[in-house]
Amino acid sequence: MSNPEHDQDIKYLRDNLTVYPNFPKPGINFRDTFSLFRNQITYKKVIDLFSDHISKLEVDVIVGLESRGFILGGAICYNLGIPFVPIRKKGKLPGKVIEYKYELEYGQDVFEIQECSIKPNQKVVIVDDLIATGGSCMAAIELLKKVKAQIIECVILVELSDLNWKKNVSVPTTSFIKFDS
């Protein structure tokens, strides 16, 4: 995404994102978005970027992915005055849930959403902190299709561009900070 009014903020965020080499294993550069969340200046810039972008879309609900998507989603929803719905890992939500099982590089996982949280045809935006292979985002999209949501876009803070996530994500996606892994 290139928006001249935000280019300086994006550069500032990129420069202030902490990277941990060789974590959680050798060869991985861990992009720690918590380093932006724990500083009030960078956190505000992150929330303002998301809020400004999403405010230009027609959206009924923001959906945040466990767990950093919750940190983003709640603040964005507060700014925009719209509801927040979490997608969580299996066994974390009470009541009737709908689930979607998906493959990871190292096994399987399951996402769940409360059955009553999204009405058919509600327009949703998915928010999360980072996209690498796109597996979590793809699972969220498939889960939201089960509840008949209209997925407008995925909005992501950090994109690992070289991990080919686009082959897994079937909806428009905006990311603010791009890195090669």
N, C-alpha and C. Protein backbone atom coordinates (compact mmCIF):
# COMPACT_ATOMS: atom_id res chain seq x y z
N MET A 1 0.84 -1.17 0.00
CA MET A 1 0.00 0.00 0.00
C MET A 1 0.88 1.23 0.00
N SER A 2 0.66 2.12 -0.91
CA SER A 2 1.40 3.36 -0.93
C SER A 2 0.44 4.52 -0.79
N ASN A 3 0.58 5.24 0.30
CA ASN A 3 -0.23 6.40 0.58
C ASN A 3 0.71 7.47 1.12
N PRO A 4 0.98 8.52 0.34
CA PRO A 4 1.97 9.51 0.76
C PRO A 4 1.74 10.08 2.16
N GLU A 5 0.47 10.20 2.57
CA GLU A 5 0.22 10.76 3.90
C GLU A 5 0.64 9.81 5.01
N HIS A 6 0.83 8.53 4.69
CA HIS A 6 1.24 7.56 5.71
C HIS A 6 2.66 7.03 5.50
N ASP A 7 3.31 7.38 4.42
CA ASP A 7 4.63 6.82 4.12
C ASP A 7 5.63 7.05 5.25
N GLN A 8 5.63 8.24 5.86
CA GLN A 8 6.57 8.51 6.95
C GLN A 8 6.26 7.66 8.17
N ASP A 9 4.98 7.49 8.47
CA ASP A 9 4.60 6.65 9.61
C ASP A 9 5.01 5.20 9.38
N ILE A 10 4.80 4.72 8.17
CA ILE A 10 5.17 3.33 7.86
C ILE A 10 6.68 3.14 7.98
N LYS A 11 7.45 4.07 7.49
CA LYS A 11 8.91 4.00 7.62
C LYS A 11 9.31 4.02 9.10
N TYR A 12 8.67 4.89 9.87
CA TYR A 12 8.95 4.99 11.31
C TYR A 12 8.64 3.65 12.00
N LEU A 13 7.50 3.06 11.67
CA LEU A 13 7.13 1.78 12.27
C LEU A 13 8.12 0.68 11.87
N ARG A 14 8.46 0.63 10.60
CA ARG A 14 9.42 -0.37 10.11
C ARG A 14 10.75 -0.24 10.85
N ASP A 15 11.20 1.01 11.02
CA ASP A 15 12.48 1.26 11.70
C ASP A 15 12.43 0.91 13.18
N ASN A 16 11.24 0.90 13.78
CA ASN A 16 11.10 0.63 15.20
C ASN A 16 10.61 -0.78 15.53
N LEU A 17 10.44 -1.60 14.52
CA LEU A 17 10.04 -2.99 14.72
C LEU A 17 11.28 -3.81 15.10
N THR A 18 11.22 -4.46 16.24
CA THR A 18 12.35 -5.27 16.69
C THR A 18 12.37 -6.59 15.94
N VAL A 19 13.57 -6.99 15.51
CA VAL A 19 13.76 -8.26 14.81
C VAL A 19 14.70 -9.11 15.66
N TYR A 20 14.30 -10.35 15.92
CA TYR A 20 15.13 -11.30 16.66
C TYR A 20 15.64 -12.36 15.70
N PRO A 21 16.93 -12.29 15.35
CA PRO A 21 17.49 -13.30 14.45
C PRO A 21 17.51 -14.68 15.13
N ASN A 22 17.32 -15.69 14.31
CA ASN A 22 17.43 -17.09 14.75
C ASN A 22 16.43 -17.45 15.86
N PHE A 23 15.23 -16.89 15.78
CA PHE A 23 14.17 -17.25 16.72
C PHE A 23 12.90 -17.53 15.92
N PRO A 24 12.19 -18.58 16.17
CA PRO A 24 12.38 -19.58 17.22
C PRO A 24 13.38 -20.67 16.86
N LYS A 25 13.94 -20.59 15.65
CA LYS A 25 14.96 -21.57 15.27
C LYS A 25 15.95 -20.89 14.32
N PRO A 26 17.10 -21.50 14.13
CA PRO A 26 18.11 -20.89 13.24
C PRO A 26 17.56 -20.60 11.85
N GLY A 27 17.92 -19.43 11.35
CA GLY A 27 17.50 -19.03 10.01
C GLY A 27 16.23 -18.21 9.96
N ILE A 28 15.49 -18.13 11.07
CA ILE A 28 14.26 -17.36 11.12
C ILE A 28 14.55 -15.99 11.74
N ASN A 29 14.07 -14.94 11.09
CA ASN A 29 14.12 -13.58 11.66
C ASN A 29 12.73 -13.26 12.17
N PHE A 30 12.55 -13.31 13.48
CA PHE A 30 11.25 -13.09 14.10
C PHE A 30 10.94 -11.60 14.14
N ARG A 31 9.88 -11.17 13.45
CA ARG A 31 9.44 -9.78 13.42
C ARG A 31 8.47 -9.58 14.58
N ASP A 32 8.92 -8.91 15.63
CA ASP A 32 8.17 -8.81 16.88
C ASP A 32 7.27 -7.58 16.89
N THR A 33 6.01 -7.76 16.51
CA THR A 33 5.07 -6.65 16.50
C THR A 33 4.76 -6.13 17.90
N PHE A 34 5.00 -6.96 18.92
CA PHE A 34 4.81 -6.47 20.29
C PHE A 34 5.70 -5.27 20.57
N SER A 35 6.83 -5.18 19.89
CA SER A 35 7.72 -4.03 20.10
C SER A 35 7.04 -2.73 19.68
N LEU A 36 6.09 -2.80 18.76
CA LEU A 36 5.33 -1.61 18.36
C LEU A 36 4.14 -1.37 19.30
N PHE A 37 3.58 -2.42 19.85
CA PHE A 37 2.40 -2.30 20.70
C PHE A 37 2.76 -1.76 22.09
N ARG A 38 3.97 -2.01 22.55
CA ARG A 38 4.31 -1.60 23.92
C ARG A 38 4.83 -0.16 24.00
N ASN A 39 4.87 0.54 22.88
CA ASN A 39 5.27 1.95 22.85
C ASN A 39 4.05 2.75 22.40
N GLN A 40 3.62 3.72 23.22
CA GLN A 40 2.37 4.43 22.92
C GLN A 40 2.43 5.20 21.61
N ILE A 41 3.59 5.66 21.19
CA ILE A 41 3.69 6.41 19.92
C ILE A 41 3.52 5.46 18.74
N THR A 42 4.25 4.35 18.75
CA THR A 42 4.15 3.42 17.62
C THR A 42 2.80 2.71 17.61
N TYR A 43 2.29 2.37 18.78
CA TYR A 43 0.97 1.71 18.83
C TYR A 43 -0.11 2.62 18.26
N LYS A 44 -0.08 3.89 18.62
CA LYS A 44 -1.05 4.85 18.09
C LYS A 44 -0.92 4.96 16.57
N LYS A 45 0.30 4.99 16.05
CA LYS A 45 0.50 5.06 14.61
C LYS A 45 -0.07 3.82 13.92
N VAL A 46 0.13 2.66 14.52
CA VAL A 46 -0.41 1.41 13.96
C VAL A 46 -1.93 1.49 13.91
N ILE A 47 -2.55 1.83 15.03
CA ILE A 47 -4.02 1.88 15.09
C ILE A 47 -4.56 2.93 14.15
N ASP A 48 -3.89 4.08 14.05
CA ASP A 48 -4.32 5.13 13.13
C ASP A 48 -4.24 4.68 11.67
N LEU A 49 -3.18 3.95 11.31
CA LEU A 49 -3.06 3.42 9.93
C LEU A 49 -4.23 2.50 9.60
N PHE A 50 -4.47 1.54 10.49
CA PHE A 50 -5.57 0.60 10.28
C PHE A 50 -6.91 1.34 10.22
N SER A 51 -7.14 2.21 11.20
CA SER A 51 -8.43 2.91 11.29
C SER A 51 -8.67 3.77 10.06
N ASP A 52 -7.65 4.49 9.61
CA ASP A 52 -7.81 5.33 8.43
C ASP A 52 -8.15 4.50 7.20
N HIS A 53 -7.43 3.40 7.02
CA HIS A 53 -7.68 2.54 5.85
C HIS A 53 -9.09 1.94 5.90
N ILE A 54 -9.44 1.36 7.04
CA ILE A 54 -10.72 0.66 7.16
C ILE A 54 -11.90 1.63 7.12
N SER A 55 -11.70 2.86 7.57
CA SER A 55 -12.79 3.85 7.55
C SER A 55 -13.26 4.17 6.13
N LYS A 56 -12.42 3.88 5.15
CA LYS A 56 -12.77 4.14 3.75
C LYS A 56 -13.54 2.98 3.12
N LEU A 57 -13.68 1.89 3.86
CA LEU A 57 -14.39 0.70 3.38
C LEU A 57 -15.79 0.67 3.99
N GLU A 58 -16.67 -0.06 3.38
CA GLU A 58 -18.00 -0.27 3.96
C GLU A 58 -17.94 -1.55 4.79
N VAL A 59 -17.90 -1.39 6.12
CA VAL A 59 -17.64 -2.51 7.02
C VAL A 59 -18.67 -2.52 8.15
N ASP A 60 -19.19 -3.74 8.46
CA ASP A 60 -20.10 -3.91 9.59
C ASP A 60 -19.39 -4.41 10.84
N VAL A 61 -18.36 -5.24 10.65
CA VAL A 61 -17.70 -5.93 11.76
C VAL A 61 -16.21 -6.06 11.44
N ILE A 62 -15.38 -5.92 12.48
CA ILE A 62 -13.95 -6.23 12.37
C ILE A 62 -13.74 -7.58 13.04
N VAL A 63 -13.04 -8.47 12.36
CA VAL A 63 -12.70 -9.78 12.90
C VAL A 63 -11.20 -9.82 13.15
N GLY A 64 -10.82 -10.14 14.39
CA GLY A 64 -9.40 -10.24 14.74
C GLY A 64 -9.01 -11.67 14.98
N LEU A 65 -7.81 -12.03 14.49
CA LEU A 65 -7.31 -13.40 14.65
C LEU A 65 -6.48 -13.51 15.92
N GLU A 66 -6.65 -14.65 16.59
CA GLU A 66 -5.92 -14.88 17.83
C GLU A 66 -4.42 -14.84 17.56
N SER A 67 -3.70 -14.17 18.37
CA SER A 67 -4.09 -13.31 19.47
C SER A 67 -3.76 -11.84 19.21
N ARG A 68 -2.80 -11.59 18.38
CA ARG A 68 -2.42 -10.19 18.14
C ARG A 68 -3.48 -9.42 17.35
N GLY A 69 -4.30 -10.13 16.60
CA GLY A 69 -5.42 -9.48 15.93
C GLY A 69 -6.43 -8.91 16.92
N PHE A 70 -6.44 -9.45 18.16
CA PHE A 70 -7.31 -8.91 19.21
C PHE A 70 -6.80 -7.54 19.65
N ILE A 71 -5.48 -7.43 19.78
CA ILE A 71 -4.86 -6.17 20.23
C ILE A 71 -5.15 -5.06 19.22
N LEU A 72 -5.10 -5.41 17.96
CA LEU A 72 -5.41 -4.44 16.90
C LEU A 72 -6.91 -4.18 16.81
N GLY A 73 -7.68 -5.25 16.73
CA GLY A 73 -9.10 -5.14 16.45
C GLY A 73 -9.89 -4.34 17.46
N GLY A 74 -9.63 -4.55 18.73
CA GLY A 74 -10.37 -3.81 19.75
C GLY A 74 -10.17 -2.31 19.64
N ALA A 75 -8.93 -1.90 19.46
CA ALA A 75 -8.63 -0.46 19.36
C ALA A 75 -9.20 0.14 18.08
N ILE A 76 -9.12 -0.59 16.99
CA ILE A 76 -9.68 -0.10 15.72
C ILE A 76 -11.20 0.05 15.84
N CYS A 77 -11.84 -0.95 16.42
CA CYS A 77 -13.30 -0.89 16.59
C CYS A 77 -13.70 0.27 17.49
N TYR A 78 -12.93 0.51 18.52
CA TYR A 78 -13.20 1.67 19.39
C TYR A 78 -13.13 2.95 18.57
N ASN A 79 -12.08 3.10 17.76
CA ASN A 79 -11.93 4.29 16.92
C ASN A 79 -13.09 4.46 15.95
N LEU A 80 -13.53 3.37 15.34
CA LEU A 80 -14.51 3.44 14.26
C LEU A 80 -15.96 3.25 14.72
N GLY A 81 -16.15 2.83 15.96
CA GLY A 81 -17.50 2.64 16.47
C GLY A 81 -18.23 1.47 15.84
N ILE A 82 -17.50 0.39 15.57
CA ILE A 82 -18.13 -0.81 15.01
C ILE A 82 -17.77 -2.03 15.87
N PRO A 83 -18.54 -3.11 15.76
CA PRO A 83 -18.31 -4.29 16.60
C PRO A 83 -17.03 -5.05 16.25
N PHE A 84 -16.55 -5.78 17.27
CA PHE A 84 -15.39 -6.65 17.13
C PHE A 84 -15.81 -8.09 17.39
N VAL A 85 -15.29 -9.01 16.56
CA VAL A 85 -15.54 -10.43 16.73
C VAL A 85 -14.20 -11.16 16.68
N PRO A 86 -13.92 -12.01 17.68
CA PRO A 86 -12.68 -12.77 17.65
C PRO A 86 -12.83 -14.10 16.93
N ILE A 87 -11.77 -14.50 16.26
CA ILE A 87 -11.61 -15.89 15.81
C ILE A 87 -10.52 -16.46 16.69
N ARG A 88 -10.85 -17.57 17.35
CA ARG A 88 -9.94 -18.13 18.36
C ARG A 88 -9.55 -19.56 18.02
N LYS A 89 -8.53 -20.02 18.71
CA LYS A 89 -8.13 -21.42 18.62
C LYS A 89 -9.19 -22.28 19.31
N LYS A 90 -9.26 -23.53 18.93
CA LYS A 90 -10.27 -24.48 19.42
C LYS A 90 -10.30 -24.52 20.95
N GLY A 91 -11.54 -24.51 21.47
CA GLY A 91 -11.75 -24.68 22.89
C GLY A 91 -11.70 -23.41 23.72
N LYS A 92 -11.60 -22.26 23.10
CA LYS A 92 -11.47 -20.99 23.84
C LYS A 92 -12.75 -20.18 23.90
N LEU A 93 -13.74 -20.53 23.09
CA LEU A 93 -14.98 -19.76 23.02
C LEU A 93 -16.15 -20.56 23.61
N PRO A 94 -17.00 -19.91 24.42
CA PRO A 94 -18.18 -20.60 24.95
C PRO A 94 -19.32 -20.60 23.93
N GLY A 95 -20.35 -21.37 24.24
CA GLY A 95 -21.55 -21.41 23.40
C GLY A 95 -21.33 -22.23 22.15
N LYS A 96 -22.29 -22.10 21.22
CA LYS A 96 -22.20 -22.84 19.96
C LYS A 96 -21.15 -22.18 19.07
N VAL A 97 -20.25 -22.99 18.57
CA VAL A 97 -19.19 -22.48 17.70
C VAL A 97 -19.17 -23.24 16.39
N ILE A 98 -18.61 -22.59 15.39
CA ILE A 98 -18.36 -23.21 14.10
C ILE A 98 -16.84 -23.27 13.97
N GLU A 99 -16.34 -24.38 13.46
CA GLU A 99 -14.89 -24.53 13.40
C GLU A 99 -14.40 -24.81 11.98
N TYR A 100 -13.12 -24.55 11.81
CA TYR A 100 -12.45 -24.85 10.55
C TYR A 100 -11.06 -25.38 10.88
N LYS A 101 -10.79 -26.60 10.41
CA LYS A 101 -9.49 -27.24 10.63
C LYS A 101 -8.59 -26.91 9.45
N TYR A 102 -7.34 -26.56 9.75
CA TYR A 102 -6.42 -26.21 8.67
C TYR A 102 -5.02 -26.74 8.93
N GLU A 103 -4.28 -26.84 7.85
CA GLU A 103 -2.93 -27.39 7.90
C GLU A 103 -1.90 -26.30 8.17
N LEU A 104 -0.94 -26.63 8.97
CA LEU A 104 0.22 -25.78 9.22
C LEU A 104 1.46 -26.50 8.70
N GLU A 105 2.58 -25.79 8.68
CA GLU A 105 3.82 -26.43 8.24
C GLU A 105 4.17 -27.61 9.14
N TYR A 106 3.71 -27.58 10.39
CA TYR A 106 4.11 -28.57 11.39
C TYR A 106 2.94 -29.37 11.95
N GLY A 107 1.79 -29.36 11.30
CA GLY A 107 0.65 -30.12 11.79
C GLY A 107 -0.66 -29.48 11.41
N GLN A 108 -1.64 -29.58 12.32
CA GLN A 108 -2.96 -29.01 12.09
C GLN A 108 -3.34 -28.09 13.24
N ASP A 109 -4.27 -27.20 12.96
CA ASP A 109 -4.85 -26.36 14.00
C ASP A 109 -6.32 -26.18 13.65
N VAL A 110 -7.07 -25.60 14.59
CA VAL A 110 -8.50 -25.38 14.38
C VAL A 110 -8.83 -23.97 14.85
N PHE A 111 -9.51 -23.22 14.00
CA PHE A 111 -10.06 -21.91 14.36
C PHE A 111 -11.54 -22.09 14.63
N GLU A 112 -12.07 -21.27 15.56
CA GLU A 112 -13.48 -21.28 15.87
C GLU A 112 -14.03 -19.85 15.93
N ILE A 113 -15.32 -19.73 15.65
CA ILE A 113 -16.05 -18.49 15.80
C ILE A 113 -17.39 -18.84 16.43
N GLN A 114 -17.90 -17.97 17.30
CA GLN A 114 -19.21 -18.20 17.89
C GLN A 114 -20.27 -18.09 16.79
N GLU A 115 -21.16 -19.05 16.77
CA GLU A 115 -22.17 -19.14 15.72
C GLU A 115 -23.01 -17.87 15.59
N CYS A 116 -23.27 -17.21 16.70
CA CYS A 116 -24.15 -16.04 16.70
C CYS A 116 -23.43 -14.71 16.45
N SER A 117 -22.14 -14.74 16.22
CA SER A 117 -21.36 -13.49 16.19
C SER A 117 -21.42 -12.72 14.87
N ILE A 118 -21.67 -13.40 13.77
CA ILE A 118 -21.74 -12.76 12.45
C ILE A 118 -23.08 -13.15 11.81
N LYS A 119 -23.80 -12.17 11.34
CA LYS A 119 -25.04 -12.44 10.62
C LYS A 119 -24.72 -12.65 9.14
N PRO A 120 -25.51 -13.48 8.44
CA PRO A 120 -25.27 -13.66 7.00
C PRO A 120 -25.21 -12.33 6.26
N ASN A 121 -24.26 -12.23 5.37
CA ASN A 121 -24.03 -11.06 4.51
C ASN A 121 -23.46 -9.83 5.23
N GLN A 122 -23.12 -9.95 6.51
CA GLN A 122 -22.44 -8.82 7.13
C GLN A 122 -21.07 -8.65 6.48
N LYS A 123 -20.68 -7.40 6.30
CA LYS A 123 -19.41 -7.07 5.66
C LYS A 123 -18.33 -7.02 6.73
N VAL A 124 -17.32 -7.87 6.56
CA VAL A 124 -16.27 -7.98 7.57
C VAL A 124 -14.90 -7.69 6.98
N VAL A 125 -14.04 -7.17 7.85
CA VAL A 125 -12.62 -7.01 7.55
C VAL A 125 -11.87 -7.83 8.59
N ILE A 126 -10.91 -8.61 8.13
CA ILE A 126 -10.06 -9.41 9.01
C ILE A 126 -8.80 -8.60 9.30
N VAL A 127 -8.42 -8.51 10.57
CA VAL A 127 -7.17 -7.84 10.93
C VAL A 127 -6.25 -8.80 11.67
N ASP A 128 -4.95 -8.65 11.38
CA ASP A 128 -3.93 -9.41 12.08
C ASP A 128 -2.61 -8.67 12.00
N ASP A 129 -1.65 -9.13 12.78
CA ASP A 129 -0.37 -8.42 12.85
C ASP A 129 0.60 -8.81 11.76
N LEU A 130 0.58 -10.08 11.32
CA LEU A 130 1.61 -10.55 10.40
C LEU A 130 1.06 -11.64 9.49
N ILE A 131 1.48 -11.60 8.24
CA ILE A 131 1.14 -12.68 7.32
C ILE A 131 2.43 -13.24 6.75
N ALA A 132 2.56 -14.55 6.85
CA ALA A 132 3.76 -15.24 6.34
C ALA A 132 3.35 -16.17 5.20
N THR A 133 2.85 -17.34 5.51
CA THR A 133 2.41 -18.27 4.47
C THR A 133 0.94 -18.07 4.11
N GLY A 134 0.21 -17.34 4.95
CA GLY A 134 -1.21 -17.08 4.69
C GLY A 134 -2.14 -18.14 5.25
N GLY A 135 -1.62 -19.14 5.95
CA GLY A 135 -2.46 -20.23 6.45
C GLY A 135 -3.54 -19.79 7.42
N SER A 136 -3.20 -18.95 8.38
CA SER A 136 -4.19 -18.47 9.36
C SER A 136 -5.24 -17.60 8.68
N CYS A 137 -4.80 -16.76 7.79
CA CYS A 137 -5.72 -15.88 7.07
C CYS A 137 -6.68 -16.71 6.21
N MET A 138 -6.14 -17.68 5.51
CA MET A 138 -6.97 -18.55 4.68
C MET A 138 -7.99 -19.29 5.53
N ALA A 139 -7.57 -19.78 6.69
CA ALA A 139 -8.49 -20.50 7.58
C ALA A 139 -9.60 -19.57 8.06
N ALA A 140 -9.25 -18.33 8.40
CA ALA A 140 -10.26 -17.36 8.83
C ALA A 140 -11.25 -17.07 7.70
N ILE A 141 -10.75 -16.94 6.49
CA ILE A 141 -11.63 -16.70 5.33
C ILE A 141 -12.61 -17.86 5.17
N GLU A 142 -12.11 -19.08 5.22
CA GLU A 142 -12.97 -20.25 5.07
C GLU A 142 -14.00 -20.35 6.20
N LEU A 143 -13.57 -20.02 7.42
CA LEU A 143 -14.50 -20.03 8.55
C LEU A 143 -15.59 -18.98 8.38
N LEU A 144 -15.20 -17.80 7.93
CA LEU A 144 -16.19 -16.73 7.72
C LEU A 144 -17.14 -17.06 6.57
N LYS A 145 -16.67 -17.80 5.58
CA LYS A 145 -17.57 -18.26 4.51
C LYS A 145 -18.64 -19.19 5.09
N LYS A 146 -18.27 -20.00 6.08
CA LYS A 146 -19.23 -20.91 6.70
C LYS A 146 -20.37 -20.16 7.38
N VAL A 147 -20.09 -18.97 7.91
CA VAL A 147 -21.14 -18.18 8.56
C VAL A 147 -21.77 -17.18 7.58
N LYS A 148 -21.39 -17.31 6.31
CA LYS A 148 -21.95 -16.51 5.21
C LYS A 148 -21.65 -15.02 5.32
N ALA A 149 -20.48 -14.70 5.88
CA ALA A 149 -20.04 -13.31 5.95
C ALA A 149 -19.56 -12.87 4.57
N GLN A 150 -19.64 -11.59 4.31
CA GLN A 150 -19.08 -11.01 3.10
C GLN A 150 -17.74 -10.41 3.48
N ILE A 151 -16.66 -11.05 3.04
CA ILE A 151 -15.31 -10.63 3.44
C ILE A 151 -14.84 -9.54 2.48
N ILE A 152 -14.65 -8.35 3.02
CA ILE A 152 -14.27 -7.20 2.22
C ILE A 152 -12.76 -7.19 1.98
N GLU A 153 -11.99 -7.46 3.03
CA GLU A 153 -10.54 -7.35 2.91
C GLU A 153 -9.88 -7.93 4.16
N CYS A 154 -8.61 -8.32 4.00
CA CYS A 154 -7.73 -8.61 5.12
C CYS A 154 -6.77 -7.42 5.22
N VAL A 155 -6.58 -6.92 6.44
CA VAL A 155 -5.66 -5.81 6.66
C VAL A 155 -4.63 -6.28 7.67
N ILE A 156 -3.37 -6.25 7.23
CA ILE A 156 -2.27 -6.85 7.97
C ILE A 156 -1.20 -5.79 8.22
N LEU A 157 -0.59 -5.83 9.40
CA LEU A 157 0.47 -4.88 9.71
C LEU A 157 1.75 -5.21 8.96
N VAL A 158 2.25 -6.45 9.09
CA VAL A 158 3.54 -6.85 8.52
C VAL A 158 3.34 -8.02 7.55
N GLU A 159 3.91 -7.88 6.38
CA GLU A 159 3.87 -8.92 5.35
C GLU A 159 5.28 -9.46 5.14
N LEU A 160 5.41 -10.78 5.15
CA LEU A 160 6.67 -11.43 4.73
C LEU A 160 6.48 -11.81 3.27
N SER A 161 6.93 -10.93 2.40
CA SER A 161 6.59 -10.98 0.97
C SER A 161 7.06 -12.23 0.26
N ASP A 162 8.19 -12.76 0.64
CA ASP A 162 8.78 -13.85 -0.12
C ASP A 162 8.24 -15.23 0.26
N LEU A 163 7.30 -15.32 1.17
CA LEU A 163 6.78 -16.63 1.59
C LEU A 163 5.54 -17.04 0.82
N ASN A 164 5.21 -16.33 -0.25
CA ASN A 164 4.19 -16.75 -1.21
C ASN A 164 2.80 -16.91 -0.59
N TRP A 165 2.46 -16.04 0.35
CA TRP A 165 1.17 -16.12 1.02
C TRP A 165 0.00 -15.87 0.07
N LYS A 166 0.25 -15.15 -1.01
CA LYS A 166 -0.85 -14.76 -1.91
C LYS A 166 -1.55 -15.96 -2.54
N LYS A 167 -0.85 -17.09 -2.65
CA LYS A 167 -1.49 -18.28 -3.22
C LYS A 167 -2.54 -18.87 -2.28
N ASN A 168 -2.51 -18.51 -1.00
CA ASN A 168 -3.45 -19.03 -0.01
C ASN A 168 -4.58 -18.08 0.34
N VAL A 169 -4.48 -16.83 -0.05
CA VAL A 169 -5.44 -15.82 0.39
C VAL A 169 -6.25 -15.35 -0.81
N SER A 170 -7.57 -15.56 -0.73
CA SER A 170 -8.45 -15.36 -1.89
C SER A 170 -9.23 -14.05 -1.85
N VAL A 171 -8.89 -13.14 -0.94
CA VAL A 171 -9.60 -11.86 -0.86
C VAL A 171 -8.58 -10.73 -0.94
N PRO A 172 -9.03 -9.53 -1.27
CA PRO A 172 -8.08 -8.41 -1.28
C PRO A 172 -7.39 -8.27 0.07
N THR A 173 -6.11 -7.94 0.02
CA THR A 173 -5.31 -7.83 1.23
C THR A 173 -4.46 -6.57 1.17
N THR A 174 -4.43 -5.84 2.27
CA THR A 174 -3.58 -4.67 2.41
C THR A 174 -2.60 -4.94 3.55
N SER A 175 -1.34 -4.67 3.31
CA SER A 175 -0.35 -4.73 4.38
C SER A 175 0.43 -3.42 4.35
N PHE A 176 0.94 -3.03 5.51
CA PHE A 176 1.60 -1.74 5.64
C PHE A 176 3.12 -1.84 5.58
N ILE A 177 3.68 -2.86 6.22
CA ILE A 177 5.14 -3.01 6.31
C ILE A 177 5.51 -4.31 5.61
N LYS A 178 6.44 -4.23 4.66
CA LYS A 178 6.83 -5.43 3.91
C LYS A 178 8.30 -5.76 4.16
N PHE A 179 8.55 -7.06 4.37
CA PHE A 179 9.89 -7.59 4.54
C PHE A 179 10.00 -8.86 3.72
N ASP A 180 11.21 -9.22 3.35
CA ASP A 180 11.51 -10.59 2.97
C ASP A 180 11.80 -11.31 4.28
N SER A 181 11.49 -12.59 4.32
CA SER A 181 11.65 -13.32 5.58
C SER A 181 13.12 -13.39 5.94
